[in-house]
């Protein structure tokens, strides 16, 4: 099966909202990655730290309307 990827580079603050928008637009999954090689050490219980500079990748079916 073929897929389309949409990659967005962003900062930490808007990452959650952009992730939600990609999912609402039909993304089957969204991956968040570090885009500046920033270390994240073992988080504490209940913590979900994010990098300061993030790359979001939304995975869409190949026949998705990307307009």
C-alpha atoms as a PDB file:
ATOM      1  CA  UNK A   1       0.000   0.000   0.000  1.00  0.00           C
ATOM      2  CA  UNK A   2       1.216   3.514  -0.789  1.00  0.00           C
ATOM      3  CA  UNK A   3       1.295   6.386   1.691  1.00  0.00           C
ATOM      4  CA  UNK A   4       1.736  10.155   1.702  1.00  0.00           C
ATOM      5  CA  UNK A   5       3.762  11.895   4.370  1.00  0.00           C
ATOM      6  CA  UNK A   6       3.345  15.503   5.396  1.00  0.00           C
ATOM      7  CA  UNK A   7       6.217  16.880   7.478  1.00  0.00           C
ATOM      8  CA  UNK A   8       5.973  20.053   9.528  1.00  0.00           C
ATOM      9  CA  UNK A   9       8.796  21.690  11.466  1.00  0.00           C
ATOM     10  CA  UNK A  10       7.595  23.565  14.535  1.00  0.00           C
ATOM     11  CA  UNK A  11       8.440  24.599  18.060  1.00  0.00           C
ATOM     12  CA  UNK A  12       7.239  22.940  21.247  1.00  0.00           C
ATOM     13  CA  UNK A  13       4.248  25.227  21.947  1.00  0.00           C
ATOM     14  CA  UNK A  14       2.094  24.579  18.835  1.00  0.00           C
ATOM     15  CA  UNK A  15       3.016  20.882  18.497  1.00  0.00           C
ATOM     16  CA  UNK A  16      -0.075  19.470  20.255  1.00  0.00           C
ATOM     17  CA  UNK A  17      -2.463  21.618  18.223  1.00  0.00           C
ATOM     18  CA  UNK A  18      -0.762  20.705  14.954  1.00  0.00           C
ATOM     19  CA  UNK A  19      -0.868  17.021  15.872  1.00  0.00           C
ATOM     20  CA  UNK A  20      -4.624  17.304  16.469  1.00  0.00           C
ATOM     21  CA  UNK A  21      -5.106  19.128  13.157  1.00  0.00           C
ATOM     22  CA  UNK A  22      -3.239  16.427  11.225  1.00  0.00           C
ATOM     23  CA  UNK A  23      -5.377  13.713  12.821  1.00  0.00           C
ATOM     24  CA  UNK A  24      -8.557  15.691  12.107  1.00  0.00           C
ATOM     25  CA  UNK A  25      -7.426  16.074   8.480  1.00  0.00           C
ATOM     26  CA  UNK A  26      -7.262  12.281   8.140  1.00  0.00           C
ATOM     27  CA  UNK A  27      -3.744  11.322   9.187  1.00  0.00           C
ATOM     28  CA  UNK A  28      -3.611   7.686  10.248  1.00  0.00           C
ATOM     29  CA  UNK A  29      -0.680   8.426  12.538  1.00  0.00           C
ATOM     30  CA  UNK A  30       1.473  11.357  13.620  1.00  0.00           C
ATOM     31  CA  UNK A  31       5.091  10.995  14.687  1.00  0.00           C
ATOM     32  CA  UNK A  32       6.976  13.626  16.691  1.00  0.00           C
ATOM     33  CA  UNK A  33      10.763  13.764  16.321  1.00  0.00           C
ATOM     34  CA  UNK A  34      13.586  15.910  17.635  1.00  0.00           C
ATOM     35  CA  UNK A  35      14.972  18.083  14.835  1.00  0.00           C
ATOM     36  CA  UNK A  36      17.968  19.575  16.662  1.00  0.00           C
ATOM     37  CA  UNK A  37      19.592  16.636  18.496  1.00  0.00           C
ATOM     38  CA  UNK A  38      18.382  17.760  21.932  1.00  0.00           C
ATOM     39  CA  UNK A  39      18.776  15.197  24.702  1.00  0.00           C
ATOM     40  CA  UNK A  40      15.760  14.135  26.736  1.00  0.00           C
ATOM     41  CA  UNK A  41      16.658  12.209  29.844  1.00  0.00           C
ATOM     42  CA  UNK A  42      14.453   9.698  31.627  1.00  0.00           C
ATOM     43  CA  UNK A  43      11.205  11.557  32.428  1.00  0.00           C
ATOM     44  CA  UNK A  44       9.572  11.383  35.828  1.00  0.00           C
ATOM     45  CA  UNK A  45       6.346   9.480  36.446  1.00  0.00           C
ATOM     46  CA  UNK A  46       3.471  11.169  34.611  1.00  0.00           C
ATOM     47  CA  UNK A  47       5.768  13.494  32.625  1.00  0.00           C
ATOM     48  CA  UNK A  48       5.759  13.663  28.837  1.00  0.00           C
ATOM     49  CA  UNK A  49       8.541  16.076  27.882  1.00  0.00           C
ATOM     50  CA  UNK A  50       8.940  17.374  24.334  1.00  0.00           C
ATOM     51  CA  UNK A  51      11.931  18.799  22.527  1.00  0.00           C
ATOM     52  CA  UNK A  52      12.114  22.543  21.856  1.00  0.00           C
ATOM     53  CA  UNK A  53      12.345  22.012  18.071  1.00  0.00           C
ATOM     54  CA  UNK A  54      10.028  19.329  16.696  1.00  0.00           C
ATOM     55  CA  UNK A  55       9.295  17.681  13.350  1.00  0.00           C
ATOM     56  CA  UNK A  56       5.779  16.266  12.996  1.00  0.00           C
ATOM     57  CA  UNK A  57       5.152  13.671  10.305  1.00  0.00           C
ATOM     58  CA  UNK A  58       1.572  12.841   9.385  1.00  0.00           C
ATOM     59  CA  UNK A  59       0.966   9.585   7.527  1.00  0.00           C
ATOM     60  CA  UNK A  60      -1.967   9.668   5.084  1.00  0.00           C
ATOM     61  CA  UNK A  61      -3.420   7.101   2.670  1.00  0.00           C
ATOM     62  CA  UNK A  62      -2.132   7.606  -0.885  1.00  0.00           C
ATOM     63  CA  UNK A  63      -5.594   8.561  -2.127  1.00  0.00           C
ATOM     64  CA  UNK A  64      -6.105  11.285   0.522  1.00  0.00           C
ATOM     65  CA  UNK A  65      -7.179  14.707  -0.770  1.00  0.00           C
ATOM     66  CA  UNK A  66      -4.175  16.823   0.257  1.00  0.00           C
ATOM     67  CA  UNK A  67      -5.870  20.110  -0.649  1.00  0.00           C
END
